[in-house]
Amino acid sequence: MIQDLLEINLLERILDIELFGEHYRLKADAEDRHAEKAVDYLIGKVENVSDISSLPKNDINRFAQLLLATLNICNDYFDLKEKHEKVVQTVQERSSVIVNKIQNTLK
């Protein structure tokens, strides 16, 4: 029984999160390197939305703030995805040019 508990603890970890004054405990994989960063990023986005929002503090508005923060995170994701795709395309194009130059030199 103790062995089983130790194995569970090695495979996962607990993250403590405070959001809107409420405390949450979430499980994350032990190997997840970005769990804390993701939590901090989410909290930062929610705080940013809360700072610029003049809505009264209630559950409906908290949900709206969380939704806005989530949409902002999605926007950040798609911006980074687009930039990544452009970088990959540029690398592929440059690699192709280099391969062609090498092949032409070897002929």
C-alpha atoms as a PDB file:
ATOM      1  CA  MET A   1       0.000   0.000   0.000  1.00  0.00           C
ATOM      2  CA  ILE A   2       2.758   2.479   0.894  1.00  0.00           C
ATOM      3  CA  GLN A   3       4.605   1.445  -2.266  1.00  0.00           C
ATOM      4  CA  ASP A   4       1.506   2.330  -4.331  1.00  0.00           C
ATOM      5  CA  LEU A   5       1.290   5.770  -2.696  1.00  0.00           C
ATOM      6  CA  LEU A   6       4.958   6.427  -3.389  1.00  0.00           C
ATOM      7  CA  GLU A   7       4.523   5.450  -7.050  1.00  0.00           C
ATOM      8  CA  ILE A   8       1.536   7.793  -7.393  1.00  0.00           C
ATOM      9  CA  ASN A   9       3.522  10.649  -5.855  1.00  0.00           C
ATOM     10  CA  LEU A  10       6.416  10.033  -8.242  1.00  0.00           C
ATOM     11  CA  LEU A  11       4.094  10.109 -11.256  1.00  0.00           C
ATOM     12  CA  GLU A  12       2.224  13.276 -10.349  1.00  0.00           C
ATOM     13  CA  ARG A  13       2.477  16.423  -8.309  1.00  0.00           C
ATOM     14  CA  ILE A  14       0.014  18.857  -6.817  1.00  0.00           C
ATOM     15  CA  LEU A  15      -0.220  22.477  -7.945  1.00  0.00           C
ATOM     16  CA  ASP A  16      -1.757  25.038  -5.609  1.00  0.00           C
ATOM     17  CA  ILE A  17      -3.502  27.839  -7.466  1.00  0.00           C
ATOM     18  CA  GLU A  18      -5.199  30.946  -6.149  1.00  0.00           C
ATOM     19  CA  LEU A  19      -7.633  32.558  -8.550  1.00  0.00           C
ATOM     20  CA  PHE A  20     -10.203  35.223  -7.590  1.00  0.00           C
ATOM     21  CA  GLY A  21      -9.367  34.614  -3.938  1.00  0.00           C
ATOM     22  CA  GLU A  22     -10.263  30.919  -4.247  1.00  0.00           C
ATOM     23  CA  HIS A  23      -7.717  28.148  -3.726  1.00  0.00           C
ATOM     24  CA  TYR A  24      -7.532  25.200  -6.095  1.00  0.00           C
ATOM     25  CA  ARG A  25      -5.375  22.086  -6.027  1.00  0.00           C
ATOM     26  CA  LEU A  26      -4.667  20.411  -9.349  1.00  0.00           C
ATOM     27  CA  LYS A  27      -2.674  17.345 -10.236  1.00  0.00           C
ATOM     28  CA  ALA A  28       0.035  17.556 -12.881  1.00  0.00           C
ATOM     29  CA  ASP A  29       2.305  14.902 -14.334  1.00  0.00           C
ATOM     30  CA  ALA A  30       5.657  14.809 -12.591  1.00  0.00           C
ATOM     31  CA  GLU A  31       7.344  15.130 -15.985  1.00  0.00           C
ATOM     32  CA  ASP A  32       5.347  18.192 -17.027  1.00  0.00           C
ATOM     33  CA  ARG A  33       8.033  20.891 -17.142  1.00  0.00           C
ATOM     34  CA  HIS A  34       5.644  23.700 -17.945  1.00  0.00           C
ATOM     35  CA  ALA A  35       2.840  23.210 -15.418  1.00  0.00           C
ATOM     36  CA  GLU A  36       3.942  26.011 -13.081  1.00  0.00           C
ATOM     37  CA  LYS A  37       4.683  28.328 -15.989  1.00  0.00           C
ATOM     38  CA  ALA A  38       1.242  27.636 -17.453  1.00  0.00           C
ATOM     39  CA  VAL A  39      -0.430  28.409 -14.122  1.00  0.00           C
ATOM     40  CA  ASP A  40       1.565  31.620 -13.709  1.00  0.00           C
ATOM     41  CA  TYR A  41       0.759  32.632 -17.282  1.00  0.00           C
ATOM     42  CA  LEU A  42      -2.974  32.029 -16.769  1.00  0.00           C
ATOM     43  CA  ILE A  43      -2.999  33.957 -13.490  1.00  0.00           C
ATOM     44  CA  GLY A  44      -1.133  36.835 -15.143  1.00  0.00           C
ATOM     45  CA  LYS A  45      -3.635  36.962 -18.002  1.00  0.00           C
ATOM     46  CA  VAL A  46      -6.583  36.869 -15.587  1.00  0.00           C
ATOM     47  CA  GLU A  47      -5.042  39.639 -13.467  1.00  0.00           C
ATOM     48  CA  ASN A  48      -4.433  41.709 -16.597  1.00  0.00           C
ATOM     49  CA  VAL A  49      -8.071  41.352 -17.649  1.00  0.00           C
ATOM     50  CA  SER A  50      -9.206  42.088 -14.090  1.00  0.00           C
ATOM     51  CA  ASP A  51      -7.043  45.228 -13.951  1.00  0.00           C
ATOM     52  CA  ILE A  52      -8.512  46.696 -17.132  1.00  0.00           C
ATOM     53  CA  SER A  53     -12.069  45.559 -16.419  1.00  0.00           C
ATOM     54  CA  SER A  54     -14.429  47.839 -14.546  1.00  0.00           C
ATOM     55  CA  LEU A  55     -16.937  45.061 -13.942  1.00  0.00           C
ATOM     56  CA  PRO A  56     -18.170  44.465 -10.391  1.00  0.00           C
ATOM     57  CA  LYS A  57     -16.687  41.420  -8.668  1.00  0.00           C
ATOM     58  CA  ASN A  58     -19.228  38.603  -8.940  1.00  0.00           C
ATOM     59  CA  ASP A  59     -19.267  35.039 -10.273  1.00  0.00           C
ATOM     60  CA  ILE A  60     -20.634  35.951 -13.717  1.00  0.00           C
ATOM     61  CA  ASN A  61     -18.011  38.648 -14.219  1.00  0.00           C
ATOM     62  CA  ARG A  62     -15.276  36.362 -12.915  1.00  0.00           C
ATOM     63  CA  PHE A  63     -16.307  33.825 -15.530  1.00  0.00           C
ATOM     64  CA  ALA A  64     -16.245  36.559 -18.197  1.00  0.00           C
ATOM     65  CA  GLN A  65     -12.761  37.604 -17.052  1.00  0.00           C
ATOM     66  CA  LEU A  66     -11.573  33.999 -17.147  1.00  0.00           C
ATOM     67  CA  LEU A  67     -13.074  33.600 -20.618  1.00  0.00           C
ATOM     68  CA  LEU A  68     -11.356  36.785 -21.837  1.00  0.00           C
ATOM     69  CA  ALA A  69      -8.054  35.637 -20.362  1.00  0.00           C
ATOM     70  CA  THR A  70      -8.486  32.274 -22.110  1.00  0.00           C
ATOM     71  CA  LEU A  71      -9.195  33.998 -25.420  1.00  0.00           C
ATOM     72  CA  ASN A  72      -6.082  36.150 -24.946  1.00  0.00           C
ATOM     73  CA  ILE A  73      -4.040  32.999 -24.327  1.00  0.00           C
ATOM     74  CA  CYS A  74      -5.505  31.424 -27.472  1.00  0.00           C
ATOM     75  CA  ASN A  75      -4.590  34.547 -29.420  1.00  0.00           C
ATOM     76  CA  ASP A  76      -1.020  34.348 -28.096  1.00  0.00           C
ATOM     77  CA  TYR A  77      -0.906  30.686 -29.089  1.00  0.00           C
ATOM     78  CA  PHE A  78      -2.035  31.338 -32.656  1.00  0.00           C
ATOM     79  CA  ASP A  79       0.409  34.249 -33.004  1.00  0.00           C
ATOM     80  CA  LEU A  80       3.265  31.984 -31.907  1.00  0.00           C
ATOM     81  CA  LYS A  81       2.038  29.153 -34.108  1.00  0.00           C
ATOM     82  CA  GLU A  82       2.005  31.460 -37.132  1.00  0.00           C
ATOM     83  CA  LYS A  83       5.516  32.717 -36.333  1.00  0.00           C
ATOM     84  CA  HIS A  84       6.728  29.145 -35.891  1.00  0.00           C
ATOM     85  CA  GLU A  85       5.277  28.113 -39.249  1.00  0.00           C
ATOM     86  CA  LYS A  86       7.035  31.052 -40.916  1.00  0.00           C
ATOM     87  CA  VAL A  87      10.347  30.095 -39.294  1.00  0.00           C
ATOM     88  CA  VAL A  88       9.940  26.464 -40.395  1.00  0.00           C
ATOM     89  CA  GLN A  89       9.145  27.586 -43.945  1.00  0.00           C
ATOM     90  CA  THR A  90      12.182  29.888 -44.017  1.00  0.00           C
ATOM     91  CA  VAL A  91      14.451  27.114 -42.709  1.00  0.00           C
ATOM     92  CA  GLN A  92      13.097  24.693 -45.316  1.00  0.00           C
ATOM     93  CA  GLU A  93      13.631  27.197 -48.121  1.00  0.00           C
ATOM     94  CA  ARG A  94      17.167  28.027 -47.002  1.00  0.00           C
ATOM     95  CA  SER A  95      18.003  24.362 -46.523  1.00  0.00           C
ATOM     96  CA  SER A  96      16.796  23.641 -50.021  1.00  0.00           C
ATOM     97  CA  VAL A  97      19.028  26.378 -51.433  1.00  0.00           C
ATOM     98  CA  ILE A  98      22.025  25.040 -49.507  1.00  0.00           C
ATOM     99  CA  VAL A  99      21.382  21.454 -50.660  1.00  0.00           C
ATOM    100  CA  ASN A 100      21.129  22.618 -54.269  1.00  0.00           C
ATOM    101  CA  LYS A 101      24.398  24.553 -53.963  1.00  0.00           C
ATOM    102  CA  ILE A 102      26.140  21.518 -52.459  1.00  0.00           C
ATOM    103  CA  GLN A 103      24.775  19.230 -55.185  1.00  0.00           C
ATOM    104  CA  ASN A 104      25.839  21.667 -57.912  1.00  0.00           C
ATOM    105  CA  THR A 105      29.313  21.934 -56.407  1.00  0.00           C
ATOM    106  CA  LEU A 106      29.703  18.151 -56.306  1.00  0.00           C
ATOM    107  CA  LYS A 107      28.752  17.737 -59.987  1.00  0.00           C
END
